[in-house]
């Protein structure tokens, strides 16, 4: 995030009313009018949830395809033994496909990729990389569709703009929803897709308020607080 002392940031701060909440469409319209940095900023939705992340039945996690993609080039690694699954992954553009060779590289600290996919057969060995890939958020997981026999489908989906959401230790979720170069309509539709997914993922064991607050922001902008009632209606 930009330093609060920068002229551009101070100007943006003056355009955002921190005492009010904005309907999603209003927030998007405001965001695209703010002074921009010299690069294509990433947009992000952040949620503060009324969940206890220490309870396994209150973990909020899943994936959602963005209607207009993420705007990011996603480098995909596929752990698969030689055969149909490996060939299919290569055919749809996976940057790295292999088994023993890639496991060894990862054990040595290499992590030049954004998403890892693995076949169920490969996971027997890939699990050994938990301490290496886990802290980086790169471990394949059946819950996010990255442990699968259909490697081609998984690779296509993540490259097309499927994003993952997951509560952190404080019960917050941060999800990228596109780039500032997107049109307001694209930003709105991507954001709406994420909001719907997070609301649908409410654990049954949660009591009281589920979404306590939500904000929309770009890499270098102040956060724009969202109207929670509008989020329910938008979803």
Protein backbone atom coordinates (compact mmCIF):
# COMPACT_ATOMS: atom_id res chain seq x y z
CA UNK A 1 0.00 0.00 0.00
CA UNK A 2 1.13 3.55 -0.67
CA UNK A 3 2.59 5.60 2.16
CA UNK A 4 0.02 7.93 3.63
CA UNK A 5 2.38 10.83 3.12
CA UNK A 6 2.45 10.63 -0.68
CA UNK A 7 0.67 13.39 -2.57
CA UNK A 8 -1.26 10.89 -4.70
CA UNK A 9 -2.42 8.93 -1.65
CA UNK A 10 -3.48 12.08 0.22
CA UNK A 11 -5.54 13.14 -2.78
CA UNK A 12 -7.21 9.72 -2.94
CA UNK A 13 -7.85 9.82 0.80
CA UNK A 14 -9.68 13.11 0.36
CA UNK A 15 -12.07 11.52 -2.14
CA UNK A 16 -13.02 8.57 0.09
CA UNK A 17 -15.39 9.29 2.97
CA UNK A 18 -14.11 7.02 5.74
CA UNK A 19 -17.24 7.68 7.85
CA UNK A 20 -19.66 6.10 5.38
CA UNK A 21 -20.21 2.79 3.66
CA UNK A 22 -20.76 2.50 -0.09
CA UNK A 23 -22.98 0.28 -2.18
CA UNK A 24 -20.83 -2.02 -4.32
CA UNK A 25 -21.53 -0.14 -7.57
CA UNK A 26 -20.76 3.19 -5.89
CA UNK A 27 -17.52 1.78 -4.48
CA UNK A 28 -16.42 0.55 -7.91
CA UNK A 29 -17.25 3.88 -9.54
CA UNK A 30 -15.28 5.73 -6.86
CA UNK A 31 -12.31 3.38 -7.02
CA UNK A 32 -11.75 3.83 -10.76
CA UNK A 33 -11.80 7.63 -10.33
CA UNK A 34 -9.07 7.73 -7.69
CA UNK A 35 -5.55 8.91 -8.66
CA UNK A 36 -3.65 5.94 -10.08
CA UNK A 37 -0.15 4.60 -9.66
CA UNK A 38 2.14 4.07 -12.65
CA UNK A 39 1.39 0.34 -12.84
CA UNK A 40 -1.74 -1.77 -13.29
CA UNK A 41 -2.87 -2.14 -9.70
CA UNK A 42 -4.50 -5.31 -8.36
CA UNK A 43 -7.99 -4.98 -6.89
CA UNK A 44 -8.92 -6.78 -3.70
CA UNK A 45 -11.98 -7.51 -1.59
CA UNK A 46 -11.37 -7.97 2.12
CA UNK A 47 -13.86 -9.42 4.60
CA UNK A 48 -13.78 -9.45 8.40
CA UNK A 49 -15.86 -12.44 9.42
CA UNK A 50 -17.57 -13.36 12.66
CA UNK A 51 -16.02 -16.82 12.72
CA UNK A 52 -13.62 -18.54 15.08
CA UNK A 53 -10.80 -19.74 12.79
CA UNK A 54 -9.52 -22.01 15.58
CA UNK A 55 -12.63 -24.15 15.12
CA UNK A 56 -12.30 -26.52 12.17
CA UNK A 57 -16.02 -26.34 11.44
CA UNK A 58 -15.82 -22.55 11.08
CA UNK A 59 -13.08 -22.46 8.46
CA UNK A 60 -14.30 -20.60 5.36
CA UNK A 61 -12.47 -21.79 2.28
CA UNK A 62 -13.18 -22.38 -1.39
CA UNK A 63 -12.60 -21.23 -4.94
CA UNK A 64 -14.62 -19.09 -7.32
CA UNK A 65 -14.17 -18.44 -11.06
CA UNK A 66 -14.04 -14.74 -11.89
CA UNK A 67 -16.32 -13.96 -14.87
CA UNK A 68 -13.66 -11.71 -16.42
CA UNK A 69 -10.54 -13.42 -15.12
CA UNK A 70 -8.02 -12.07 -12.65
CA UNK A 71 -5.89 -10.16 -15.14
CA UNK A 72 -2.90 -12.08 -13.88
CA UNK A 73 -0.69 -14.51 -15.77
CA UNK A 74 -0.86 -17.68 -13.65
CA UNK A 75 2.08 -20.08 -13.76
CA UNK A 76 0.93 -23.63 -13.06
CA UNK A 77 2.95 -26.62 -11.85
CA UNK A 78 1.47 -30.11 -12.15
CA UNK A 79 2.76 -33.06 -10.13
CA UNK A 80 1.92 -36.14 -12.19
CA UNK A 81 3.68 -39.34 -13.13
CA UNK A 82 4.30 -39.88 -16.87
CA UNK A 83 1.02 -40.71 -18.58
CA UNK A 84 -2.32 -39.29 -19.64
CA UNK A 85 -2.70 -36.78 -16.79
CA UNK A 86 0.75 -35.32 -17.40
CA UNK A 87 0.20 -35.14 -21.16
CA UNK A 88 -3.19 -33.44 -20.69
CA UNK A 89 -1.69 -30.80 -18.40
CA UNK A 90 1.03 -29.97 -20.94
CA UNK A 91 -1.54 -29.79 -23.74
CA UNK A 92 -3.48 -26.98 -22.03
CA UNK A 93 -0.43 -24.92 -21.14
CA UNK A 94 0.87 -25.94 -17.71
CA UNK A 95 4.32 -24.37 -17.36
CA UNK A 96 5.85 -27.21 -15.31
CA UNK A 97 4.83 -30.88 -15.42
CA UNK A 98 6.71 -33.68 -13.72
CA UNK A 99 7.04 -35.82 -10.63
CA UNK A 100 10.31 -36.82 -8.95
CA UNK A 101 12.26 -34.03 -10.63
CA UNK A 102 9.83 -31.30 -9.51
CA UNK A 103 9.51 -32.70 -5.99
CA UNK A 104 13.29 -32.56 -5.65
CA UNK A 105 13.43 -28.97 -6.96
CA UNK A 106 10.76 -27.87 -4.48
CA UNK A 107 12.57 -29.59 -1.62
CA UNK A 108 15.61 -27.51 -2.57
CA UNK A 109 13.57 -24.31 -2.21
CA UNK A 110 12.44 -23.65 -5.78
CA UNK A 111 8.95 -22.15 -6.08
CA UNK A 112 8.79 -20.36 -9.42
CA UNK A 113 5.04 -20.95 -9.91
CA UNK A 114 1.70 -19.58 -8.65
CA UNK A 115 -0.51 -22.68 -8.37
CA UNK A 116 0.32 -26.35 -7.87
CA UNK A 117 -1.94 -29.16 -9.09
CA UNK A 118 -1.43 -32.85 -8.32
CA UNK A 119 -3.05 -36.13 -9.22
CA UNK A 120 -4.31 -38.22 -6.27
CA UNK A 121 -1.62 -40.79 -7.08
CA UNK A 122 1.12 -38.16 -6.89
CA UNK A 123 -0.07 -36.80 -3.53
CA UNK A 124 1.54 -39.70 -1.67
CA UNK A 125 4.93 -38.11 -2.35
CA UNK A 126 3.81 -34.49 -2.70
CA UNK A 127 2.54 -34.49 0.92
CA UNK A 128 6.19 -34.55 1.97
CA UNK A 129 6.43 -30.99 0.65
CA UNK A 130 3.90 -29.71 3.20
CA UNK A 131 6.48 -27.80 5.22
CA UNK A 132 7.89 -26.23 2.06
CA UNK A 133 4.75 -25.41 0.06
CA UNK A 134 2.23 -25.06 2.90
CA UNK A 135 3.54 -21.77 4.35
CA UNK A 136 3.56 -20.29 0.84
CA UNK A 137 -0.02 -21.30 0.15
CA UNK A 138 1.09 -23.53 -2.72
CA UNK A 139 0.11 -26.98 -1.43
CA UNK A 140 -2.40 -28.83 -3.65
CA UNK A 141 -5.71 -29.39 -1.86
CA UNK A 142 -8.81 -31.39 -2.83
CA UNK A 143 -11.04 -28.62 -1.39
CA UNK A 144 -9.73 -26.14 -3.94
CA UNK A 145 -9.86 -28.56 -6.88
CA UNK A 146 -6.09 -28.80 -7.18
CA UNK A 147 -5.92 -32.52 -6.36
CA UNK A 148 -7.62 -34.20 -9.28
CA UNK A 149 -7.27 -36.74 -12.07
CA UNK A 150 -8.64 -34.14 -14.50
CA UNK A 151 -5.48 -32.04 -14.61
CA UNK A 152 -6.50 -30.35 -17.86
CA UNK A 153 -9.67 -28.95 -16.31
CA UNK A 154 -7.80 -27.73 -13.22
CA UNK A 155 -5.12 -26.00 -15.28
CA UNK A 156 -7.68 -24.33 -17.55
CA UNK A 157 -9.70 -23.05 -14.59
CA UNK A 158 -6.81 -21.51 -12.67
CA UNK A 159 -5.42 -19.90 -15.82
CA UNK A 160 -8.86 -18.50 -16.70
CA UNK A 161 -9.07 -16.70 -13.37
CA UNK A 162 -10.27 -19.01 -10.64
CA UNK A 163 -9.29 -17.53 -7.29
CA UNK A 164 -9.11 -19.06 -3.84
CA UNK A 165 -10.48 -17.58 -0.63
CA UNK A 166 -9.55 -18.72 2.87
CA UNK A 167 -9.86 -17.30 6.36
CA UNK A 168 -6.57 -16.34 7.99
CA UNK A 169 -5.72 -16.72 11.69
CA UNK A 170 -7.68 -13.56 12.52
CA UNK A 171 -10.83 -14.64 10.65
CA UNK A 172 -10.23 -12.35 7.67
CA UNK A 173 -10.39 -13.12 3.95
CA UNK A 174 -8.52 -11.27 1.19
CA UNK A 175 -9.42 -12.08 -2.44
CA UNK A 176 -8.07 -10.52 -5.66
CA UNK A 177 -10.90 -9.51 -8.01
CA UNK A 178 -9.06 -8.14 -11.05
CA UNK A 179 -6.98 -5.22 -12.22
CA UNK A 180 -7.60 -1.48 -12.24
CA UNK A 181 -7.48 -1.56 -16.05
CA UNK A 182 -10.75 -3.53 -16.05
CA UNK A 183 -13.98 -1.72 -16.88
CA UNK A 184 -16.28 -0.80 -13.95
CA UNK A 185 -18.73 -3.47 -15.15
CA UNK A 186 -16.03 -6.15 -15.12
CA UNK A 187 -14.87 -5.13 -11.64
CA UNK A 188 -18.47 -5.14 -10.37
CA UNK A 189 -19.27 -8.57 -11.82
CA UNK A 190 -16.02 -10.12 -10.55
CA UNK A 191 -16.61 -8.62 -7.10
CA UNK A 192 -20.19 -9.82 -7.04
CA UNK A 193 -19.09 -13.37 -7.87
CA UNK A 194 -16.67 -13.37 -4.93
CA UNK A 195 -19.23 -11.87 -2.53
CA UNK A 196 -21.80 -14.52 -3.50
CA UNK A 197 -19.25 -17.29 -2.94
CA UNK A 198 -18.18 -16.01 0.48
CA UNK A 199 -21.80 -15.56 1.62
CA UNK A 200 -22.73 -19.06 0.43
CA UNK A 201 -19.76 -20.48 2.33
CA UNK A 202 -21.13 -19.43 5.74
CA UNK A 203 -20.53 -22.34 8.14
CA UNK A 204 -23.67 -23.72 9.77
CA UNK A 205 -22.03 -23.50 13.19
CA UNK A 206 -21.59 -19.69 13.02
CA UNK A 207 -24.02 -17.76 15.19
CA UNK A 208 -24.71 -14.04 15.03
CA UNK A 209 -23.19 -11.69 12.45
CA UNK A 210 -21.26 -13.53 9.72
CA UNK A 211 -19.75 -10.63 7.73
CA UNK A 212 -18.71 -7.88 10.14
CA UNK A 213 -17.14 -5.59 7.56
CA UNK A 214 -15.96 -5.59 3.96
CA UNK A 215 -13.77 -3.29 1.89
CA UNK A 216 -12.76 -2.83 -1.73
CA UNK A 217 -9.31 -1.49 -2.48
CA UNK A 218 -6.53 -1.37 -5.05
CA UNK A 219 -2.83 -1.93 -4.36
CA UNK A 220 -2.17 1.79 -3.79
CA UNK A 221 -5.55 3.16 -2.69
CA UNK A 222 -7.26 3.68 0.65
CA UNK A 223 -9.89 1.09 1.54
CA UNK A 224 -13.50 1.80 0.55
CA UNK A 225 -15.92 0.40 3.14
CA UNK A 226 -18.88 -1.51 1.69
CA UNK A 227 -22.51 -1.40 2.78
CA UNK A 228 -23.24 -4.86 4.18
CA UNK A 229 -26.96 -4.66 3.44
CA UNK A 230 -26.17 -3.86 -0.18
CA UNK A 231 -23.82 -6.86 -0.32
CA UNK A 232 -26.67 -9.15 0.68
CA UNK A 233 -28.87 -7.66 -2.03
CA UNK A 234 -26.12 -7.78 -4.66
CA UNK A 235 -25.67 -11.48 -3.92
